Amino acid sequence: MRFVRVIAGVLLLVVGIPALFAGGGLWLVTRHADPGGAFTARFETVRTPGHAVVVTDLDRLLRQEASFARTAQTRLRLDARGAGGLAFVGLAPTAEVRNWLDAVPHATVRRVALARGPLPVRLDPAGPVADTPGAATAGGPVTPLGQPFWVREGIGSLEWSADDLADQPMSLVVMRPDGEADLALDLRAELRAEWTGPATWGLLAVGVLLVVCAALLLLRPLRPREVIFVVEPDQVPVLAGRLGVTSLSGLGLRQPESTPPLPRRQLAPVGAAERPRSAIGAEPARAATLADLDEPVRLPRPPEVTLSLAWPPAAGDDTTARPVAVPPDDGPTG
């Protein structure tokens, strides 16, 4: 039973301690949220001579740089402002965006690094060179307003969830509402995860409970065990010698020196001729058998009787006297 308690306590510690660390880490992270429970981040100023800044596969970028933003009950929001005012932000299928901006100079986002302060954004040029004659109109009008392929769109900000990116690859496009080139964008992202609060307190509660249960199992005092020996009668002296006692019947008894002696009391004499004797003391030993007596006991011998079985008995000198006649009693006279 002790072995089972030790194994159970160790398993509870193996699960409880990581749960405590995970809950503590989430609690430290949630302290950086704003009063509304959202996490915000500001990007470095994004500059490109093209007409748009495109995240080709938004879900893949989030998986590489911020996988926690792809969990359930998580919403993302992007605020964009250009030099001339609010910028256009749209979410559309990757194939549609590629066909629309293929002949237009633009830039694609290669990486967004997580760091302290403004987040750096790495861009790669795409499409024809911006100073090529007719590059801006080679693919037709580039104004984003009124395009039918947008899944979500907004001026100045756009909000989406992980479920919006689950069906097919989606591209995020940021540009001026009029489609002009030479962009200078100030971007700000906001992450709102509704699961962080319940997960934090749940992990802390489970971790504390498991650690307390493990401590109770591992630090519980052991009860003394009662040892019962079942041996053959001829093995009793051997077992008593192994235990260091003279007899197994003496186990558990107090040693003679540990028991204080009883005081001797004297009884008051009843008569003058009687001698005092101790109330508690050793009585003279009594003989167990007649053979243990110091002097032999002489018992009186029974009288000798002669038994004769002859019949009729023989006549002797002693004869029986004849019966005497008694006269009848006539009653009182008078």
Protein backbone atom coordinates (compact mmCIF):
# COMPACT_ATOMS: atom_id res chain seq x y z
CA MET A 1 0.00 0.00 0.00
CA ARG A 2 2.87 2.35 0.72
CA PHE A 3 4.34 1.70 -2.74
CA VAL A 4 1.00 2.55 -4.37
CA ARG A 5 0.79 5.85 -2.45
CA VAL A 6 4.30 6.82 -3.54
CA ILE A 7 3.59 6.10 -7.22
CA ALA A 8 0.28 8.01 -7.09
CA GLY A 9 1.93 10.99 -5.39
CA VAL A 10 4.71 11.17 -7.98
CA LEU A 11 2.22 11.01 -10.85
CA LEU A 12 0.17 13.83 -9.30
CA LEU A 13 3.32 15.94 -8.99
CA VAL A 14 4.28 15.23 -12.61
CA VAL A 15 0.91 16.59 -13.78
CA GLY A 16 0.37 19.28 -11.15
CA ILE A 17 3.71 21.12 -11.34
CA PRO A 18 3.55 21.74 -15.14
CA ALA A 19 -0.07 22.87 -14.72
CA LEU A 20 1.06 25.39 -12.11
CA PHE A 21 3.84 26.70 -14.36
CA ALA A 22 1.48 26.99 -17.35
CA GLY A 23 -1.13 28.82 -15.27
CA GLY A 24 1.50 31.15 -13.86
CA GLY A 25 2.83 31.90 -17.35
CA LEU A 26 -0.65 32.72 -18.64
CA TRP A 27 -1.27 34.90 -15.61
CA LEU A 28 1.91 36.90 -16.37
CA VAL A 29 0.84 37.24 -20.01
CA THR A 30 -2.68 38.43 -19.15
CA ARG A 31 -1.18 41.24 -17.04
CA HIS A 32 -0.04 42.89 -20.30
CA ALA A 33 -3.60 43.13 -21.66
CA ASP A 34 -5.53 46.37 -21.65
CA PRO A 35 -8.57 46.88 -19.38
CA GLY A 36 -10.79 45.38 -22.09
CA GLY A 37 -8.75 42.17 -22.19
CA ALA A 38 -7.12 42.81 -25.60
CA PHE A 39 -3.43 42.59 -26.53
CA THR A 40 -2.21 45.30 -28.88
CA ALA A 41 0.95 45.62 -30.97
CA ARG A 42 2.24 48.42 -33.20
CA PHE A 43 4.18 47.79 -36.42
CA GLU A 44 7.00 49.75 -37.95
CA THR A 45 5.98 52.15 -40.70
CA VAL A 46 5.49 50.16 -43.89
CA ARG A 47 6.68 51.93 -47.05
CA THR A 48 6.42 50.73 -50.63
CA PRO A 49 6.35 52.50 -54.04
CA GLY A 50 3.63 50.11 -55.21
CA HIS A 51 -0.12 50.30 -54.91
CA ALA A 52 -0.78 47.70 -52.16
CA VAL A 53 0.75 45.67 -49.34
CA VAL A 54 -0.41 42.03 -49.50
CA VAL A 55 -0.16 39.14 -47.05
CA THR A 56 -0.35 36.30 -49.57
CA ASP A 57 -1.45 33.52 -47.16
CA LEU A 58 -2.62 35.01 -43.88
CA ASP A 59 -3.20 31.68 -42.14
CA ARG A 60 0.32 30.44 -42.97
CA LEU A 61 1.88 33.65 -41.67
CA LEU A 62 -0.01 33.37 -38.39
CA ARG A 63 1.00 29.71 -38.08
CA GLN A 64 4.68 30.63 -38.47
CA GLU A 65 4.83 33.79 -36.36
CA ALA A 66 1.90 33.72 -33.91
CA SER A 67 0.26 30.31 -33.68
CA PHE A 68 -1.69 31.34 -30.56
CA ALA A 69 -3.74 33.69 -32.79
CA ARG A 70 -5.25 30.70 -34.63
CA THR A 71 -7.03 29.13 -31.66
CA ALA A 72 -10.77 29.09 -31.14
CA GLN A 73 -12.47 32.07 -29.47
CA THR A 74 -9.73 34.37 -30.80
CA ARG A 75 -10.37 37.48 -32.87
CA LEU A 76 -7.88 39.70 -34.68
CA ARG A 77 -8.24 43.34 -35.64
CA LEU A 78 -5.99 45.42 -37.90
CA ASP A 79 -6.07 49.23 -37.91
CA ALA A 80 -4.41 50.95 -40.92
CA ARG A 81 -3.80 54.64 -41.63
CA GLY A 82 -1.95 56.15 -44.57
CA ALA A 83 -0.41 59.54 -45.23
CA GLY A 84 -3.68 60.87 -46.67
CA GLY A 85 -6.05 59.33 -44.10
CA LEU A 86 -7.59 55.94 -43.39
CA ALA A 87 -6.48 53.03 -45.55
CA PHE A 88 -8.55 50.26 -47.11
CA VAL A 89 -8.22 46.76 -45.58
CA GLY A 90 -9.74 43.73 -47.32
CA LEU A 91 -9.76 39.94 -46.98
CA ALA A 92 -10.24 37.87 -50.16
CA PRO A 93 -9.28 34.47 -51.63
CA THR A 94 -5.63 34.26 -52.61
CA ALA A 95 -6.34 33.32 -56.23
CA GLU A 96 -8.64 36.32 -56.78
CA VAL A 97 -6.14 38.78 -55.29
CA ARG A 98 -3.29 37.36 -57.37
CA ASN A 99 -5.26 37.76 -60.63
CA TRP A 100 -6.29 41.28 -59.68
CA LEU A 101 -2.86 42.62 -58.63
CA ASP A 102 -0.67 40.54 -60.92
CA ALA A 103 -0.02 43.43 -63.36
CA VAL A 104 0.15 46.11 -60.66
CA PRO A 105 3.30 47.00 -58.67
CA HIS A 106 2.83 45.97 -55.02
CA ALA A 107 4.69 44.40 -52.09
CA THR A 108 4.17 41.10 -50.28
CA VAL A 109 4.84 40.51 -46.59
CA ARG A 110 7.58 37.92 -46.10
CA ARG A 111 7.79 37.99 -42.30
CA VAL A 112 6.52 39.81 -39.24
CA ALA A 113 8.89 39.27 -36.32
CA LEU A 114 7.66 39.33 -32.72
CA ALA A 115 9.87 41.68 -30.71
CA ARG A 116 9.75 44.35 -28.04
CA GLY A 117 8.51 47.68 -29.27
CA PRO A 118 7.27 48.17 -32.85
CA LEU A 119 7.15 44.90 -34.77
CA PRO A 120 9.42 44.82 -37.87
CA VAL A 121 7.80 43.90 -41.20
CA ARG A 122 9.87 42.38 -44.03
CA LEU A 123 8.58 43.07 -47.58
CA ASP A 124 9.33 41.60 -50.99
CA PRO A 125 8.50 43.53 -54.19
CA ALA A 126 5.98 41.88 -56.53
CA GLY A 127 4.52 42.68 -59.93
CA PRO A 128 6.12 44.99 -62.52
CA VAL A 129 8.56 47.65 -61.47
CA ALA A 130 6.80 50.77 -60.19
CA ASP A 131 8.60 53.22 -62.56
CA THR A 132 7.76 51.20 -65.65
CA PRO A 133 5.59 53.27 -68.04
CA GLY A 134 1.97 52.17 -67.88
CA ALA A 135 2.61 49.83 -64.94
CA ALA A 136 -0.17 51.38 -62.88
CA THR A 137 -2.84 50.83 -65.52
CA ALA A 138 -1.66 47.68 -67.21
CA GLY A 139 -4.06 45.53 -65.27
CA GLY A 140 -7.01 47.92 -65.37
CA PRO A 141 -8.29 49.99 -62.49
CA VAL A 142 -6.79 49.15 -59.08
CA THR A 143 -9.37 50.84 -56.91
CA PRO A 144 -10.49 48.31 -54.23
CA LEU A 145 -13.93 49.73 -53.64
CA GLY A 146 -16.74 47.76 -55.25
CA GLN A 147 -14.73 44.62 -56.03
CA PRO A 148 -16.95 41.49 -55.74
CA PHE A 149 -14.39 39.05 -54.36
CA TRP A 150 -13.89 40.59 -50.91
CA VAL A 151 -14.94 38.32 -48.06
CA ARG A 152 -14.44 41.08 -45.49
CA GLU A 153 -13.51 44.70 -46.10
CA GLY A 154 -13.32 47.94 -44.18
CA ILE A 155 -11.96 51.46 -44.19
CA GLY A 156 -9.45 52.08 -41.44
CA SER A 157 -9.88 48.70 -39.70
CA LEU A 158 -10.84 45.08 -40.29
CA GLU A 159 -11.69 42.32 -37.82
CA TRP A 160 -11.75 38.56 -38.44
CA SER A 161 -11.54 35.23 -36.57
CA ALA A 162 -9.75 31.95 -37.14
CA ASP A 163 -12.91 30.40 -38.62
CA ASP A 164 -12.78 32.86 -41.54
CA LEU A 165 -9.43 31.37 -42.64
CA ALA A 166 -10.34 27.70 -42.37
CA ASP A 167 -12.01 27.07 -45.74
CA GLN A 168 -9.40 28.27 -48.27
CA PRO A 169 -6.21 30.39 -48.43
CA MET A 170 -7.00 34.03 -47.78
CA SER A 171 -4.97 37.13 -48.61
CA LEU A 172 -4.97 40.38 -46.64
CA VAL A 173 -4.69 43.54 -48.74
CA VAL A 174 -3.91 47.06 -47.43
CA MET A 175 -3.97 50.02 -49.86
CA ARG A 176 -5.41 53.47 -50.39
CA PRO A 177 -9.14 53.67 -51.08
CA ASP A 178 -8.43 55.38 -54.42
CA GLY A 179 -5.74 52.84 -55.40
CA GLU A 180 -2.86 55.34 -55.68
CA ALA A 181 0.76 54.20 -55.36
CA ASP A 182 3.58 55.20 -52.97
CA LEU A 183 2.24 53.92 -49.65
CA ALA A 184 3.36 54.82 -46.13
CA LEU A 185 1.20 52.86 -43.68
CA ASP A 186 0.93 52.97 -39.90
CA LEU A 187 -0.44 49.58 -38.78
CA ARG A 188 -1.69 48.47 -35.39
CA ALA A 189 -2.91 44.94 -34.54
CA GLU A 190 -5.19 43.88 -31.73
CA LEU A 191 -5.66 40.30 -30.40
CA ARG A 192 -8.60 39.40 -28.20
CA ALA A 193 -8.51 35.86 -26.75
CA GLU A 194 -11.51 34.98 -24.62
CA TRP A 195 -10.02 31.69 -23.44
CA THR A 196 -7.03 33.11 -21.55
CA GLY A 197 -8.92 34.00 -18.36
CA PRO A 198 -10.69 30.64 -17.80
CA ALA A 199 -7.58 28.71 -18.85
CA THR A 200 -5.38 30.65 -16.41
CA TRP A 201 -7.53 30.12 -13.33
CA GLY A 202 -8.38 26.56 -14.32
CA LEU A 203 -4.71 25.57 -14.66
CA LEU A 204 -3.82 27.25 -11.36
CA ALA A 205 -6.69 25.55 -9.50
CA VAL A 206 -5.94 22.11 -10.96
CA GLY A 207 -2.21 22.49 -10.29
CA VAL A 208 -2.70 23.51 -6.65
CA LEU A 209 -5.21 20.70 -6.07
CA LEU A 210 -2.91 18.06 -7.56
CA VAL A 211 0.15 19.26 -5.63
CA VAL A 212 -1.79 19.29 -2.34
CA CYS A 213 -3.09 15.76 -2.95
CA ALA A 214 0.43 14.59 -3.79
CA ALA A 215 1.78 16.13 -0.57
CA LEU A 216 -0.90 14.39 1.48
CA LEU A 217 -0.04 11.04 -0.09
CA LEU A 218 3.73 11.40 0.22
CA LEU A 219 3.88 13.02 3.69
CA ARG A 220 1.22 10.91 5.36
CA PRO A 221 2.68 9.26 8.50
CA LEU A 222 2.89 5.50 8.49
CA ARG A 223 0.92 3.53 11.04
CA PRO A 224 2.79 0.90 13.07
CA ARG A 225 2.11 -2.60 11.85
CA GLU A 226 1.14 -5.48 14.08
CA VAL A 227 3.36 -8.49 13.45
CA ILE A 228 1.74 -11.88 13.94
CA PHE A 229 4.02 -14.92 13.95
CA VAL A 230 2.53 -18.26 13.01
CA VAL A 231 5.10 -20.95 13.73
CA GLU A 232 5.21 -24.56 14.72
CA PRO A 233 5.40 -25.29 18.45
CA ASP A 234 8.92 -26.66 18.19
CA GLN A 235 10.07 -23.45 16.49
CA VAL A 236 8.92 -21.15 19.32
CA PRO A 237 12.28 -21.24 21.19
CA VAL A 238 14.14 -20.47 17.96
CA LEU A 239 11.90 -17.49 17.23
CA ALA A 240 12.19 -16.26 20.81
CA GLY A 241 15.97 -16.40 20.51
CA ARG A 242 15.91 -14.45 17.25
CA LEU A 243 13.80 -11.73 18.90
CA GLY A 244 16.04 -11.60 21.95
CA VAL A 245 13.43 -12.66 24.51
CA THR A 246 13.34 -15.69 26.76
CA SER A 247 9.73 -16.47 25.97
CA LEU A 248 7.17 -15.22 23.50
CA SER A 249 4.72 -14.77 26.36
CA GLY A 250 6.92 -11.98 27.69
CA LEU A 251 6.42 -9.73 24.64
CA GLY A 252 4.63 -6.54 25.52
CA LEU A 253 5.05 -6.98 29.29
CA ARG A 254 6.78 -4.43 31.47
CA GLN A 255 10.22 -5.18 32.77
CA PRO A 256 10.40 -5.93 36.49
CA GLU A 257 12.66 -2.99 37.18
CA SER A 258 10.17 -0.59 35.60
CA THR A 259 7.38 -1.63 38.02
CA PRO A 260 7.66 0.09 41.41
CA PRO A 261 7.49 -2.33 44.40
CA LEU A 262 4.31 -2.35 46.45
CA PRO A 263 4.61 -1.16 50.07
CA ARG A 264 4.35 -3.83 52.74
CA ARG A 265 1.49 -3.31 55.19
CA GLN A 266 0.99 -4.95 58.57
CA LEU A 267 -2.33 -6.08 59.97
CA ALA A 268 -3.19 -5.10 63.51
CA PRO A 269 -3.31 -8.13 65.90
CA VAL A 270 -6.77 -9.25 66.94
CA GLY A 271 -5.72 -11.06 70.08
CA ALA A 272 -2.78 -10.70 72.39
CA ALA A 273 -1.61 -14.21 71.70
CA GLU A 274 -1.69 -13.80 67.98
CA ARG A 275 1.43 -12.71 66.22
CA PRO A 276 1.31 -10.08 63.48
CA ARG A 277 1.54 -11.27 59.95
CA SER A 278 2.01 -9.42 56.72
CA ALA A 279 -1.05 -8.52 54.67
CA ILE A 280 0.77 -8.99 51.40
CA GLY A 281 3.65 -11.32 51.44
CA ALA A 282 4.87 -14.72 50.58
CA GLU A 283 2.92 -17.49 52.27
CA PRO A 284 4.68 -20.67 53.34
CA ALA A 285 4.86 -23.07 50.52
CA ARG A 286 2.31 -25.84 50.59
CA ALA A 287 3.14 -29.32 49.52
CA ALA A 288 1.68 -30.31 46.24
CA THR A 289 1.55 -34.05 47.10
CA LEU A 290 1.90 -36.18 50.20
CA ALA A 291 5.33 -37.25 49.07
CA ASP A 292 6.56 -33.62 49.38
CA LEU A 293 5.91 -33.49 53.17
CA ASP A 294 8.93 -33.31 55.47
CA GLU A 295 7.47 -35.89 57.93
CA PRO A 296 5.40 -38.83 56.85
CA VAL A 297 1.82 -38.68 57.85
CA ARG A 298 0.66 -41.71 59.85
CA LEU A 299 -2.98 -42.38 59.24
CA PRO A 300 -4.97 -44.52 61.71
CA ARG A 301 -5.29 -48.15 60.69
CA PRO A 302 -8.79 -49.52 60.26
CA PRO A 303 -9.89 -52.28 62.69
CA GLU A 304 -9.37 -55.86 61.62
CA VAL A 305 -12.57 -57.62 60.66
CA THR A 306 -12.87 -61.34 59.94
CA LEU A 307 -15.30 -62.04 57.17
CA SER A 308 -17.00 -65.45 57.01
CA LEU A 309 -19.37 -66.58 54.28
CA ALA A 310 -20.60 -69.82 55.98
CA TRP A 311 -24.29 -70.27 56.69
CA PRO A 312 -25.76 -70.83 59.19
CA PRO A 313 -23.22 -69.25 61.38
CA ALA A 314 -21.50 -71.56 63.80
CA ALA A 315 -22.82 -71.58 67.44
CA GLY A 316 -20.51 -70.12 69.99
CA ASP A 317 -20.39 -69.57 73.67
CA ASP A 318 -22.57 -66.53 73.40
CA THR A 319 -26.17 -67.68 73.22
CA THR A 320 -29.17 -65.63 72.71
CA ALA A 321 -31.39 -65.30 75.78
CA ARG A 322 -34.90 -66.52 75.51
CA PRO A 323 -37.59 -63.91 75.14
CA VAL A 324 -39.36 -62.79 78.34
CA ALA A 325 -43.13 -62.93 78.43
CA VAL A 326 -44.81 -59.63 79.17
CA PRO A 327 -48.29 -59.73 80.79
CA PRO A 328 -51.01 -57.76 79.02
CA ASP A 329 -51.89 -54.37 80.36
CA ASP A 330 -55.53 -54.37 81.68
CA GLY A 331 -55.67 -50.65 82.10
CA PRO A 332 -56.26 -48.69 85.36
CA THR A 333 -58.15 -50.30 88.20
CA GLY A 334 -60.25 -48.58 90.58
